[in-house]
C-alpha atoms as a PDB file:
ATOM      1  CA  UNK A   1     -48.480 -27.283  -8.079  1.00  0.00           C
ATOM      2  CA  UNK A   2     -45.736 -24.686  -7.743  1.00  0.00           C
ATOM      3  CA  UNK A   3     -46.074 -21.291  -6.117  1.00  0.00           C
ATOM      4  CA  UNK A   4     -46.832 -18.313  -8.340  1.00  0.00           C
ATOM      5  CA  UNK A   5     -44.312 -15.559  -9.041  1.00  0.00           C
ATOM      6  CA  UNK A   6     -46.412 -13.045  -7.082  1.00  0.00           C
ATOM      7  CA  UNK A   7     -46.425 -15.213  -3.964  1.00  0.00           C
ATOM      8  CA  UNK A   8     -42.674 -15.841  -4.167  1.00  0.00           C
ATOM      9  CA  UNK A   9     -41.598 -12.232  -4.742  1.00  0.00           C
ATOM     10  CA  UNK A  10     -41.703 -11.005  -1.079  1.00  0.00           C
ATOM     11  CA  UNK A  11     -39.729 -14.035   0.048  1.00  0.00           C
ATOM     12  CA  UNK A  12     -37.154 -13.602  -2.701  1.00  0.00           C
ATOM     13  CA  UNK A  13     -36.676  -9.965  -1.673  1.00  0.00           C
ATOM     14  CA  UNK A  14     -36.098 -10.971   1.944  1.00  0.00           C
ATOM     15  CA  UNK A  15     -33.762 -13.759   0.875  1.00  0.00           C
ATOM     16  CA  UNK A  16     -31.772 -11.329  -1.274  1.00  0.00           C
ATOM     17  CA  UNK A  17     -31.360  -8.973   1.673  1.00  0.00           C
ATOM     18  CA  UNK A  18     -30.391 -11.819   4.011  1.00  0.00           C
ATOM     19  CA  UNK A  19     -27.875 -13.161   1.499  1.00  0.00           C
ATOM     20  CA  UNK A  20     -26.290  -9.744   1.074  1.00  0.00           C
ATOM     21  CA  UNK A  21     -26.078  -9.246   4.845  1.00  0.00           C
ATOM     22  CA  UNK A  22     -24.565 -12.697   5.342  1.00  0.00           C
ATOM     23  CA  UNK A  23     -22.016 -11.964   2.638  1.00  0.00           C
ATOM     24  CA  UNK A  24     -21.065  -8.650   4.274  1.00  0.00           C
ATOM     25  CA  UNK A  25     -20.772 -10.274   7.703  1.00  0.00           C
ATOM     26  CA  UNK A  26     -18.642 -13.118   6.335  1.00  0.00           C
ATOM     27  CA  UNK A  27     -16.277 -10.655   4.679  1.00  0.00           C
ATOM     28  CA  UNK A  28     -16.039  -8.576   7.853  1.00  0.00           C
ATOM     29  CA  UNK A  29     -15.206 -11.637   9.936  1.00  0.00           C
ATOM     30  CA  UNK A  30     -12.572 -12.803   7.436  1.00  0.00           C
ATOM     31  CA  UNK A  31     -10.966  -9.349   7.577  1.00  0.00           C
ATOM     32  CA  UNK A  32     -11.192  -9.397  11.377  1.00  0.00           C
ATOM     33  CA  UNK A  33      -9.490 -12.789  11.423  1.00  0.00           C
ATOM     34  CA  UNK A  34      -6.604 -11.459   9.349  1.00  0.00           C
ATOM     35  CA  UNK A  35      -6.193  -8.449  11.647  1.00  0.00           C
ATOM     36  CA  UNK A  36      -6.429 -10.584  14.797  1.00  0.00           C
ATOM     37  CA  UNK A  37      -3.848 -13.001  13.438  1.00  0.00           C
ATOM     38  CA  UNK A  38      -1.441 -10.167  12.621  1.00  0.00           C
ATOM     39  CA  UNK A  39      -2.006  -8.498  15.989  1.00  0.00           C
ATOM     40  CA  UNK A  40      -1.513 -11.810  17.800  1.00  0.00           C
ATOM     41  CA  UNK A  41       1.800 -12.398  16.090  1.00  0.00           C
ATOM     42  CA  UNK A  42       2.954  -8.819  16.621  1.00  0.00           C
ATOM     43  CA  UNK A  43       2.231  -8.874  20.366  1.00  0.00           C
ATOM     44  CA  UNK A  44       4.613 -11.790  20.763  1.00  0.00           C
ATOM     45  CA  UNK A  45       7.214 -11.184  18.061  1.00  0.00           C
ATOM     46  CA  UNK A  46       8.114  -7.515  18.560  1.00  0.00           C
ATOM     47  CA  UNK A  47       8.566  -7.680  22.360  1.00  0.00           C
ATOM     48  CA  UNK A  48      10.700 -10.812  21.890  1.00  0.00           C
ATOM     49  CA  UNK A  49      12.924  -9.025  19.382  1.00  0.00           C
ATOM     50  CA  UNK A  50      13.199  -5.986  21.672  1.00  0.00           C
ATOM     51  CA  UNK A  51      14.070  -8.239  24.609  1.00  0.00           C
ATOM     52  CA  UNK A  52      16.817 -10.012  22.696  1.00  0.00           C
ATOM     53  CA  UNK A  53      18.325  -6.758  21.404  1.00  0.00           C
ATOM     54  CA  UNK A  54      18.287  -5.219  24.885  1.00  0.00           C
ATOM     55  CA  UNK A  55      19.862  -8.379  26.314  1.00  0.00           C
ATOM     56  CA  UNK A  56      22.660  -8.246  23.757  1.00  0.00           C
ATOM     57  CA  UNK A  57      23.275  -4.573  24.584  1.00  0.00           C
ATOM     58  CA  UNK A  58      23.688  -5.433  28.275  1.00  0.00           C
ATOM     59  CA  UNK A  59      26.032  -8.297  27.370  1.00  0.00           C
ATOM     60  CA  UNK A  60      28.129  -5.897  25.295  1.00  0.00           C
ATOM     61  CA  UNK A  61      28.580  -3.617  28.299  1.00  0.00           C
ATOM     62  CA  UNK A  62      25.977  -0.947  27.646  1.00  0.00           C
ATOM     63  CA  UNK A  63      23.917   0.531  30.487  1.00  0.00           C
ATOM     64  CA  UNK A  64      22.272  -1.955  32.815  1.00  0.00           C
ATOM     65  CA  UNK A  65      19.002  -0.122  32.244  1.00  0.00           C
ATOM     66  CA  UNK A  66      18.768  -2.140  29.039  1.00  0.00           C
ATOM     67  CA  UNK A  67      18.387  -5.163  31.310  1.00  0.00           C
ATOM     68  CA  UNK A  68      15.119  -3.715  32.613  1.00  0.00           C
ATOM     69  CA  UNK A  69      13.962  -3.228  29.027  1.00  0.00           C
ATOM     70  CA  UNK A  70      14.946  -6.813  28.200  1.00  0.00           C
ATOM     71  CA  UNK A  71      13.089  -8.214  31.203  1.00  0.00           C
ATOM     72  CA  UNK A  72       9.951  -6.135  30.574  1.00  0.00           C
ATOM     73  CA  UNK A  73       9.808  -6.964  26.869  1.00  0.00           C
ATOM     74  CA  UNK A  74      10.458 -10.630  27.627  1.00  0.00           C
ATOM     75  CA  UNK A  75       7.610 -10.606  30.136  1.00  0.00           C
ATOM     76  CA  UNK A  76       5.301  -9.043  27.524  1.00  0.00           C
ATOM     77  CA  UNK A  77       6.240 -11.666  24.931  1.00  0.00           C
ATOM     78  CA  UNK A  78       5.831 -14.520  27.397  1.00  0.00           C
ATOM     79  CA  UNK A  79       2.451 -13.226  28.565  1.00  0.00           C
ATOM     80  CA  UNK A  80       1.231 -12.856  24.988  1.00  0.00           C
ATOM     81  CA  UNK A  81       2.374 -16.374  24.144  1.00  0.00           C
ATOM     82  CA  UNK A  82       0.863 -17.856  27.312  1.00  0.00           C
ATOM     83  CA  UNK A  83      -2.515 -16.161  26.885  1.00  0.00           C
ATOM     84  CA  UNK A  84      -2.673 -17.227  23.269  1.00  0.00           C
ATOM     85  CA  UNK A  85      -2.657 -13.926  21.462  1.00  0.00           C
ATOM     86  CA  UNK A  86      -3.974 -15.599  18.296  1.00  0.00           C
ATOM     87  CA  UNK A  87      -7.081 -17.176  19.820  1.00  0.00           C
ATOM     88  CA  UNK A  88      -9.511 -14.697  18.290  1.00  0.00           C
ATOM     89  CA  UNK A  89      -8.480 -15.390  14.703  1.00  0.00           C
ATOM     90  CA  UNK A  90      -9.842 -18.979  14.569  1.00  0.00           C
ATOM     91  CA  UNK A  91     -13.112 -17.856  16.193  1.00  0.00           C
ATOM     92  CA  UNK A  92     -13.490 -15.097  13.600  1.00  0.00           C
ATOM     93  CA  UNK A  93     -12.747 -17.551  10.792  1.00  0.00           C
ATOM     94  CA  UNK A  94     -15.361 -19.988  12.106  1.00  0.00           C
ATOM     95  CA  UNK A  95     -17.969 -17.216  12.241  1.00  0.00           C
ATOM     96  CA  UNK A  96     -17.095 -16.202   8.690  1.00  0.00           C
ATOM     97  CA  UNK A  97     -17.445 -19.804   7.505  1.00  0.00           C
ATOM     98  CA  UNK A  98     -20.866 -20.077   9.124  1.00  0.00           C
ATOM     99  CA  UNK A  99     -22.057 -16.852   7.506  1.00  0.00           C
ATOM    100  CA  UNK A 100     -20.793 -18.184   4.179  1.00  0.00           C
ATOM    101  CA  UNK A 101     -22.732 -21.390   4.763  1.00  0.00           C
ATOM    102  CA  UNK A 102     -25.878 -19.375   5.529  1.00  0.00           C
ATOM    103  CA  UNK A 103     -25.324 -17.388   2.329  1.00  0.00           C
ATOM    104  CA  UNK A 104     -25.157 -20.607   0.288  1.00  0.00           C
ATOM    105  CA  UNK A 105     -28.244 -22.048   1.960  1.00  0.00           C
ATOM    106  CA  UNK A 106     -30.157 -18.853   1.202  1.00  0.00           C
ATOM    107  CA  UNK A 107     -29.073 -18.987  -2.431  1.00  0.00           C
ATOM    108  CA  UNK A 108     -30.325 -22.565  -2.665  1.00  0.00           C
ATOM    109  CA  UNK A 109     -33.709 -21.739  -1.126  1.00  0.00           C
ATOM    110  CA  UNK A 110     -34.033 -18.714  -3.400  1.00  0.00           C
ATOM    111  CA  UNK A 111     -33.202 -20.745  -6.496  1.00  0.00           C
ATOM    112  CA  UNK A 112     -35.808 -23.338  -5.580  1.00  0.00           C
ATOM    113  CA  UNK A 113     -38.412 -20.891  -4.237  1.00  0.00           C
ATOM    114  CA  UNK A 114     -40.824 -21.342  -7.128  1.00  0.00           C
ATOM    115  CA  UNK A 115     -40.633 -25.121  -6.825  1.00  0.00           C
ATOM    116  CA  UNK A 116     -42.131 -25.342  -3.321  1.00  0.00           C
ATOM    117  CA  UNK A 117     -45.688 -26.702  -3.359  1.00  0.00           C
ATOM    118  CA  UNK A 118     -46.983 -24.083  -0.917  1.00  0.00           C
ATOM    119  CA  UNK A 119     -46.047 -20.798   0.703  1.00  0.00           C
ATOM    120  CA  UNK A 120     -46.035 -22.546   4.100  1.00  0.00           C
ATOM    121  CA  UNK A 121     -43.270 -24.929   3.029  1.00  0.00           C
ATOM    122  CA  UNK A 122     -41.283 -22.054   1.559  1.00  0.00           C
ATOM    123  CA  UNK A 123     -41.710 -20.095   4.783  1.00  0.00           C
ATOM    124  CA  UNK A 124     -40.563 -23.067   6.908  1.00  0.00           C
ATOM    125  CA  UNK A 125     -37.441 -23.497   4.789  1.00  0.00           C
ATOM    126  CA  UNK A 126     -36.569 -19.809   5.206  1.00  0.00           C
ATOM    127  CA  UNK A 127     -36.546 -20.059   9.004  1.00  0.00           C
ATOM    128  CA  UNK A 128     -32.860 -20.206   9.854  1.00  0.00           C
END
């Protein structure tokens, strides 16, 4: 025997709220991954460009102070590359994927909520 509509309603409301929250979190993590990826690339690319330009200026006979700029920017680029400036992006993407998976699992439980034989089995399937 399936569960009645009245018994299912509180669980469906909770599942709707959980699904919406999981969707929001997934979107936030995907956006965070994009920003982290861009920031990671920028922290390596722009100092490397600055270092090469400053090095060329020194080679062309400009002030030797450009050599200090070249060395400092090169150090910044090397440090960013060594520390793995893009490490956060994959972690954010993995979190977003897991929230998306939770969202799909919630949708499945919600769709089948009326088909559970008892409220106890529905409740045990909702425990994530």
